[in-house]
Amino acid sequence: MKTIIKFGKWEMSAILINAMSTKVFLNFPRTALEVGGTAGWILILYVTLLSIIGFLIIYMLYKRFNGKDLIDISEYLAGSVGRIISGLIIITVLTLMIIVILREFSEDMKTITLISSPLSFVMIFFAAAMAVGAYFGIEAIARCHVIIVPIIVAAYFLIIVGVLPQSDFSQIFPLLGSGTDKIFLQGTVRMSFFAELLILFLLTSFAKDNKTVKKAGIISLTATGLFFLMVVIVYISLFPYPSDLENFLPLYQIARLIDYGRFLQRVESIFVLIWSSAAFLFLSVSFYLLIHIFTKTFRIKHYKPLILPFTAIIYALSFIPDGLPEIVQIDAYFVHKYFFIVTFIFTILLYAAANIKSAGRRRDTSDA
């Protein structure tokens, strides 16, 4: 008899917090400042609020379909055609997310610590980690998140607290930075900072109940928004604008500033360990979901035989961008700009259409 895997709010929250927060370790702070200037922190508050509102709208539409993920809803709406179209959209989004994180983390790791190693060699470790995670399944991945994510969060807070004595918070002025138009109009698309919320609506079949989905969404969005806010404010206070737009790996540069005499130096080495752990977890859950959605879309019974072929495909596709500057541009100006369309708009439209269809069926039943 097949075991039914169900998660509580903490497992779901840990997965989502890590998925959405992993970009903090990359170039996210710089991207926020490119949009909002010294008001990058206001941009974070704004898009966090919009994302929470967007999530609550999705949740209100989802409540009637307890345990149904986006593929189930698509099939309910348009049968096999709907299932395949939605599946291909989600597979494309997940593939791009994985490629960006795999390539960017590998490039950064090579630059920081493995200077003499070829990129292909560095990427093998990240690719192997995501394959192993997918092999052991979503339950093992969730348990790893529950154990490791609190450690990552604690280390993150220690880094932030460690540089507070060197911070100059007067550098957040002028308060409105690049202007209200850029923050509140153009900044709306930066809801893509929370694009990984899509994972929640691919994991709904693993949630214990509706309340688990709601709590996990609110907890993860609030916590991630807080992490984003803290790192952007601290980054601005340490590196004056606009020179902070030139830094490589902002959080890494922050960690390098921690120095408490001869007994506490080179904290960035701990940063690399934490940074790698976050990447391994993100790649594991995203890769598992990629294969899970593929098997569900095309009605394939077993997913494990697909792990090695998919790993090879992702590994090969990750070499398409010419170098780190190109993959950073793809991340900042494509993933972080347009993926909100799938996470929020596409999801809202699907659940709204499903509610309309469900209401129509109930009316027909009552009339009969």
Protein backbone atom coordinates (compact mmCIF):
# COMPACT_ATOMS: atom_id res chain seq x y z
CA MET A 1 0.00 0.00 0.00
CA LYS A 2 1.40 3.38 -1.03
CA THR A 3 2.24 5.77 1.83
CA ILE A 4 0.51 9.15 1.60
CA ILE A 5 3.01 11.92 2.41
CA LYS A 6 1.56 14.96 4.19
CA PHE A 7 3.40 18.04 5.48
CA GLY A 8 2.58 20.50 8.23
CA LYS A 9 3.06 24.27 8.12
CA TRP A 10 6.69 24.17 9.31
CA GLU A 11 7.87 21.79 6.60
CA MET A 12 6.06 23.80 3.93
CA SER A 13 7.28 27.10 5.38
CA ALA A 14 10.91 25.93 5.53
CA ILE A 15 10.81 24.84 1.88
CA LEU A 16 9.29 28.14 0.75
CA ILE A 17 11.51 30.37 2.91
CA ASN A 18 14.65 28.78 1.51
CA ALA A 19 13.33 28.79 -2.07
CA MET A 20 12.43 32.48 -1.99
CA SER A 21 15.40 33.61 0.14
CA THR A 22 18.19 31.84 -1.76
CA LYS A 23 18.53 34.85 -4.07
CA VAL A 24 19.64 36.93 -1.05
CA PHE A 25 22.99 35.14 -1.27
CA LEU A 26 23.37 36.15 -4.92
CA ASN A 27 22.79 39.56 -6.51
CA PHE A 28 19.34 40.33 -5.13
CA PRO A 29 20.34 43.38 -2.99
CA ARG A 30 21.99 44.99 -5.99
CA THR A 31 18.90 44.35 -8.15
CA ALA A 32 16.67 46.02 -5.54
CA LEU A 33 18.92 49.09 -5.51
CA GLU A 34 19.04 49.27 -9.29
CA VAL A 35 15.26 49.71 -9.25
CA GLY A 36 14.67 51.83 -6.14
CA GLY A 37 18.03 53.46 -5.47
CA THR A 38 18.40 54.34 -1.79
CA ALA A 39 14.69 53.51 -1.46
CA GLY A 40 15.31 49.88 -2.33
CA TRP A 41 14.04 48.98 1.14
CA ILE A 42 10.72 50.75 0.41
CA LEU A 43 10.47 48.71 -2.79
CA ILE A 44 10.86 45.55 -0.68
CA LEU A 45 8.07 46.60 1.68
CA TYR A 46 5.83 47.43 -1.27
CA VAL A 47 6.32 44.19 -3.23
CA THR A 48 6.08 42.11 -0.04
CA LEU A 49 2.69 43.67 0.70
CA LEU A 50 1.54 43.15 -2.89
CA SER A 51 2.71 39.53 -2.80
CA ILE A 52 0.85 38.81 0.45
CA ILE A 53 -2.31 40.34 -1.04
CA GLY A 54 -1.80 38.30 -4.22
CA PHE A 55 -1.34 35.13 -2.16
CA LEU A 56 -4.50 35.77 -0.12
CA ILE A 57 -6.48 36.22 -3.34
CA ILE A 58 -5.11 32.91 -4.66
CA TYR A 59 -5.86 31.21 -1.34
CA MET A 60 -9.49 32.42 -1.32
CA LEU A 61 -9.90 30.94 -4.79
CA TYR A 62 -8.03 27.74 -3.85
CA LYS A 63 -10.03 26.90 -0.68
CA ARG A 64 -12.75 25.08 -2.59
CA PHE A 65 -10.18 22.76 -4.17
CA ASN A 66 -8.40 21.34 -1.15
CA GLY A 67 -5.32 19.31 -2.17
CA LYS A 68 -5.58 20.18 -5.87
CA ASP A 69 -2.39 21.55 -7.41
CA LEU A 70 -2.17 23.61 -10.60
CA ILE A 71 -1.99 20.53 -12.84
CA ASP A 72 -5.14 19.06 -11.24
CA ILE A 73 -6.99 22.35 -11.69
CA SER A 74 -5.91 22.64 -15.33
CA GLU A 75 -7.18 19.13 -16.03
CA TYR A 76 -10.45 19.95 -14.26
CA LEU A 77 -10.87 22.97 -16.54
CA ALA A 78 -9.80 21.63 -19.92
CA GLY A 79 -9.01 17.94 -19.63
CA SER A 80 -5.77 16.54 -21.02
CA VAL A 81 -5.14 19.61 -23.20
CA GLY A 82 -5.32 21.94 -20.21
CA ARG A 83 -3.11 19.62 -18.14
CA ILE A 84 -0.42 19.46 -20.82
CA ILE A 85 -0.41 23.21 -21.56
CA SER A 86 -0.17 24.16 -17.88
CA GLY A 87 2.38 21.44 -17.28
CA LEU A 88 4.63 22.72 -20.07
CA ILE A 89 4.41 26.29 -18.74
CA ILE A 90 5.36 25.19 -15.21
CA ILE A 91 8.10 22.87 -16.48
CA THR A 92 9.61 25.77 -18.45
CA VAL A 93 9.55 28.08 -15.41
CA LEU A 94 11.08 25.48 -13.08
CA THR A 95 13.76 24.61 -15.65
CA LEU A 96 14.79 28.25 -16.02
CA MET A 97 14.88 28.72 -12.24
CA ILE A 98 17.09 25.65 -11.81
CA ILE A 99 19.43 26.62 -14.65
CA VAL A 100 19.90 30.15 -13.28
CA ILE A 101 20.61 28.99 -9.71
CA LEU A 102 22.83 26.08 -10.80
CA ARG A 103 24.95 28.21 -13.12
CA GLU A 104 25.09 31.30 -10.94
CA PHE A 105 26.02 29.47 -7.74
CA SER A 106 28.62 27.40 -9.60
CA GLU A 107 30.18 30.48 -11.21
CA ASP A 108 30.28 32.30 -7.88
CA MET A 109 31.73 29.30 -6.04
CA LYS A 110 34.47 29.04 -8.67
CA THR A 111 35.24 32.76 -8.34
CA ILE A 112 35.36 32.74 -4.54
CA THR A 113 36.95 29.46 -3.51
CA LEU A 114 37.68 27.12 -6.44
CA ILE A 115 39.55 29.50 -8.70
CA SER A 116 41.63 26.86 -10.50
CA SER A 117 38.80 24.37 -10.99
CA PRO A 118 36.93 24.24 -14.30
CA LEU A 119 33.30 25.34 -14.16
CA SER A 120 32.13 21.93 -15.36
CA PHE A 121 33.79 20.31 -12.33
CA VAL A 122 32.17 22.74 -9.84
CA MET A 123 28.74 22.29 -11.39
CA ILE A 124 28.92 18.52 -11.01
CA PHE A 125 28.65 18.83 -7.22
CA PHE A 126 25.52 20.98 -7.39
CA ALA A 127 23.97 18.78 -10.08
CA ALA A 128 24.74 15.63 -8.07
CA ALA A 129 23.15 17.15 -4.96
CA MET A 130 19.89 17.90 -6.75
CA ALA A 131 19.81 14.42 -8.29
CA VAL A 132 20.39 12.74 -4.92
CA GLY A 133 17.69 14.87 -3.31
CA ALA A 134 15.19 13.95 -6.02
CA TYR A 135 16.08 10.26 -5.67
CA PHE A 136 15.27 10.21 -1.93
CA GLY A 137 12.01 12.07 -2.54
CA ILE A 138 10.04 14.99 -1.22
CA GLU A 139 9.71 13.66 2.33
CA ALA A 140 13.50 13.47 2.80
CA ILE A 141 13.89 16.89 1.16
CA ALA A 142 11.30 18.42 3.51
CA ARG A 143 12.98 16.94 6.59
CA CYS A 144 16.35 18.32 5.49
CA HIS A 145 14.76 21.74 5.13
CA VAL A 146 13.31 21.61 8.66
CA ILE A 147 16.78 20.83 10.06
CA ILE A 148 19.00 23.02 7.89
CA VAL A 149 16.89 26.14 7.17
CA PRO A 150 16.86 27.32 10.84
CA ILE A 151 20.68 27.05 10.83
CA ILE A 152 20.87 29.06 7.60
CA VAL A 153 18.52 31.70 9.07
CA ALA A 154 20.57 31.91 12.30
CA ALA A 155 23.81 32.33 10.33
CA TYR A 156 22.16 34.99 8.18
CA PHE A 157 21.12 36.97 11.28
CA LEU A 158 24.62 36.64 12.78
CA ILE A 159 26.12 38.13 9.62
CA ILE A 160 23.67 41.05 9.70
CA VAL A 161 24.20 41.69 13.43
CA GLY A 162 27.97 41.36 13.03
CA VAL A 163 28.22 44.39 10.71
CA LEU A 164 25.79 46.68 12.54
CA PRO A 165 28.60 48.56 14.36
CA GLN A 166 30.00 49.61 10.97
CA SER A 167 26.66 50.67 9.49
CA ASP A 168 25.76 54.26 8.68
CA PHE A 169 22.00 54.41 8.34
CA SER A 170 22.04 58.02 7.17
CA GLN A 171 22.94 56.56 3.76
CA ILE A 172 19.32 55.46 3.23
CA PHE A 173 18.55 59.10 2.34
CA PRO A 174 17.00 60.43 0.14
CA LEU A 175 14.10 58.31 1.31
CA LEU A 176 12.35 58.07 -2.06
CA GLY A 177 15.53 57.13 -3.90
CA SER A 178 14.92 56.89 -7.64
CA GLY A 179 11.37 58.25 -7.31
CA THR A 180 7.83 57.06 -6.68
CA ASP A 181 7.24 56.08 -10.32
CA LYS A 182 10.06 53.55 -10.31
CA ILE A 183 9.13 52.20 -6.88
CA PHE A 184 5.34 51.98 -7.09
CA LEU A 185 4.67 51.65 -10.82
CA GLN A 186 7.65 49.96 -12.44
CA GLY A 187 8.36 48.18 -9.15
CA THR A 188 5.12 46.22 -9.33
CA VAL A 189 6.72 43.64 -11.64
CA ARG A 190 9.25 42.97 -8.89
CA MET A 191 6.66 40.76 -7.27
CA SER A 192 8.84 38.27 -9.15
CA PHE A 193 11.16 38.50 -6.12
CA PHE A 194 8.62 36.05 -4.66
CA ALA A 195 8.16 33.98 -7.82
CA GLU A 196 9.16 30.79 -5.98
CA LEU A 197 5.81 30.98 -4.18
CA LEU A 198 4.70 28.94 -7.19
CA ILE A 199 6.22 25.94 -5.39
CA LEU A 200 3.47 26.14 -2.75
CA PHE A 201 0.77 25.56 -5.36
CA LEU A 202 2.69 22.59 -6.71
CA LEU A 203 2.89 21.08 -3.22
CA THR A 204 -0.76 21.49 -2.20
CA SER A 205 -1.38 17.76 -2.59
CA PHE A 206 1.21 17.21 0.17
CA ALA A 207 -0.38 19.71 2.59
CA LYS A 208 -2.34 18.38 5.57
CA ASP A 209 -5.23 20.78 4.97
CA ASN A 210 -6.18 24.24 3.70
CA LYS A 211 -4.95 25.94 6.87
CA THR A 212 -1.48 24.50 6.30
CA VAL A 213 -1.34 26.15 2.87
CA LYS A 214 -2.52 29.50 4.25
CA LYS A 215 -0.15 29.54 7.22
CA ALA A 216 2.82 28.37 5.17
CA GLY A 217 2.20 31.09 2.57
CA ILE A 218 1.87 33.92 5.09
CA ILE A 219 4.79 32.76 7.27
CA SER A 220 7.14 32.31 4.32
CA LEU A 221 6.24 35.57 2.58
CA THR A 222 6.54 37.57 5.81
CA ALA A 223 9.84 35.94 6.82
CA THR A 224 11.33 36.31 3.34
CA GLY A 225 10.20 39.92 3.11
CA LEU A 226 11.91 40.57 6.46
CA PHE A 227 15.15 38.95 5.24
CA PHE A 228 15.06 41.02 2.04
CA LEU A 229 14.38 44.21 4.00
CA MET A 230 17.21 43.64 6.47
CA VAL A 231 19.87 42.84 3.89
CA VAL A 232 18.95 45.79 1.65
CA ILE A 233 18.97 48.31 4.53
CA VAL A 234 22.27 46.98 5.90
CA TYR A 235 23.81 46.88 2.43
CA ILE A 236 22.87 50.52 1.77
CA SER A 237 24.22 51.53 5.19
CA LEU A 238 27.60 49.88 4.52
CA PHE A 239 28.21 50.79 0.88
CA PRO A 240 27.11 54.26 -0.26
CA TYR A 241 24.86 54.51 -3.30
CA PRO A 242 25.61 54.29 -6.24
CA SER A 243 28.95 52.54 -5.59
CA ASP A 244 27.02 49.61 -4.07
CA LEU A 245 25.75 48.76 -7.57
CA GLU A 246 29.25 47.57 -8.49
CA ASN A 247 29.78 44.97 -5.75
CA PHE A 248 30.05 41.28 -6.53
CA LEU A 249 27.83 39.10 -4.28
CA PRO A 250 26.58 41.81 -1.88
CA LEU A 251 25.98 39.52 1.14
CA TYR A 252 29.44 38.02 0.70
CA GLN A 253 30.91 41.53 0.74
CA ILE A 254 28.94 42.24 3.92
CA ALA A 255 30.28 39.08 5.59
CA ARG A 256 33.86 40.09 4.72
CA LEU A 257 33.49 43.23 6.83
CA ILE A 258 33.00 41.30 10.08
CA ASP A 259 36.16 41.62 12.16
CA TYR A 260 36.27 41.31 15.94
CA GLY A 261 40.00 41.13 16.56
CA ARG A 262 42.18 38.07 16.08
CA PHE A 263 39.52 35.63 17.33
CA LEU A 264 36.76 36.36 14.80
CA GLN A 265 37.92 37.00 11.27
CA ARG A 266 37.24 35.66 7.76
CA VAL A 267 33.58 34.93 8.58
CA GLU A 268 32.92 34.75 4.83
CA SER A 269 34.22 31.17 4.89
CA ILE A 270 31.19 30.25 7.01
CA PHE A 271 29.08 32.22 4.54
CA VAL A 272 30.24 29.94 1.70
CA LEU A 273 29.11 26.84 3.62
CA ILE A 274 25.69 28.33 4.43
CA TRP A 275 25.38 29.67 0.90
CA SER A 276 26.08 26.23 -0.61
CA SER A 277 23.58 24.54 1.73
CA ALA A 278 20.82 26.93 0.63
CA ALA A 279 21.64 26.20 -3.02
CA PHE A 280 21.60 22.42 -2.49
CA LEU A 281 18.19 22.60 -0.81
CA PHE A 282 16.72 24.86 -3.48
CA LEU A 283 18.01 22.72 -6.34
CA SER A 284 16.79 19.50 -4.68
CA VAL A 285 13.19 20.63 -4.18
CA SER A 286 12.96 22.43 -7.54
CA PHE A 287 14.42 19.48 -9.44
CA TYR A 288 12.11 17.02 -7.67
CA LEU A 289 9.10 19.19 -8.56
CA LEU A 290 10.28 19.49 -12.16
CA ILE A 291 10.26 15.70 -12.53
CA HIS A 292 7.07 15.35 -10.46
CA ILE A 293 5.20 17.82 -12.68
CA PHE A 294 6.59 16.18 -15.82
CA THR A 295 5.36 12.73 -14.75
CA LYS A 296 1.99 14.14 -13.73
CA THR A 297 1.60 16.08 -16.97
CA PHE A 298 2.38 13.15 -19.23
CA ARG A 299 0.94 10.42 -16.98
CA ILE A 300 4.23 8.62 -16.34
CA LYS A 301 3.99 6.14 -13.48
CA HIS A 302 7.56 6.19 -12.08
CA TYR A 303 9.75 9.27 -11.73
CA LYS A 304 13.12 7.80 -10.62
CA PRO A 305 14.18 6.56 -14.10
CA LEU A 306 13.94 10.20 -15.24
CA ILE A 307 16.42 11.56 -12.66
CA LEU A 308 19.66 10.89 -14.55
CA PRO A 309 18.39 11.99 -18.00
CA PHE A 310 16.91 15.19 -16.55
CA THR A 311 20.11 15.88 -14.59
CA ALA A 312 22.13 15.56 -17.80
CA ILE A 313 19.72 17.87 -19.68
CA ILE A 314 19.77 20.55 -16.97
CA TYR A 315 23.57 20.29 -16.70
CA ALA A 316 23.95 20.75 -20.47
CA LEU A 317 21.46 23.62 -20.69
CA SER A 318 23.27 25.46 -17.89
CA PHE A 319 26.24 25.99 -20.22
CA ILE A 320 24.22 27.91 -22.80
CA PRO A 321 24.81 31.38 -21.24
CA ASP A 322 28.27 32.65 -22.21
CA GLY A 323 29.41 33.57 -18.71
CA LEU A 324 28.52 34.98 -15.30
CA PRO A 325 27.53 38.47 -16.58
CA GLU A 326 24.99 36.94 -18.98
CA ILE A 327 23.43 34.62 -16.38
CA VAL A 328 23.23 37.53 -13.90
CA GLN A 329 21.41 39.60 -16.54
CA ILE A 330 18.97 36.75 -17.22
CA ASP A 331 18.31 36.49 -13.48
CA ALA A 332 17.91 40.23 -12.84
CA TYR A 333 16.10 41.33 -15.99
CA PHE A 334 14.03 38.28 -16.85
CA VAL A 335 13.47 35.92 -13.90
CA HIS A 336 13.14 38.75 -11.37
CA LYS A 337 10.98 40.79 -13.70
CA TYR A 338 8.49 38.56 -15.47
CA PHE A 339 8.03 35.35 -13.48
CA PHE A 340 5.32 36.97 -11.33
CA ILE A 341 3.06 36.47 -14.37
CA VAL A 342 3.07 32.71 -13.84
CA THR A 343 3.19 32.73 -10.03
CA PHE A 344 0.39 35.23 -9.48
CA ILE A 345 -1.57 36.08 -12.64
CA PHE A 346 -1.60 32.60 -14.21
CA THR A 347 -2.43 30.96 -10.85
CA ILE A 348 -5.23 33.43 -10.07
CA LEU A 349 -6.77 32.96 -13.51
CA LEU A 350 -6.68 29.16 -13.21
CA TYR A 351 -8.31 29.03 -9.79
CA ALA A 352 -10.83 31.76 -10.71
CA ALA A 353 -11.89 29.84 -13.83
CA ALA A 354 -12.17 26.65 -11.77
CA ASN A 355 -14.42 28.44 -9.25
CA ILE A 356 -16.65 29.73 -12.04
CA LYS A 357 -16.94 26.26 -13.53
CA SER A 358 -17.64 24.72 -10.12
CA ALA A 359 -20.34 27.33 -9.37
CA GLY A 360 -21.95 26.66 -12.77
CA ARG A 361 -22.07 22.92 -12.09
CA ARG A 362 -23.68 23.49 -8.69
CA ARG A 363 -26.38 25.70 -10.27
CA ASP A 364 -27.07 23.06 -12.93
CA THR A 365 -27.37 20.39 -10.22
CA SER A 366 -29.74 22.49 -8.11
CA ASP A 367 -31.90 23.34 -11.16
CA ALA A 368 -32.16 19.67 -12.06
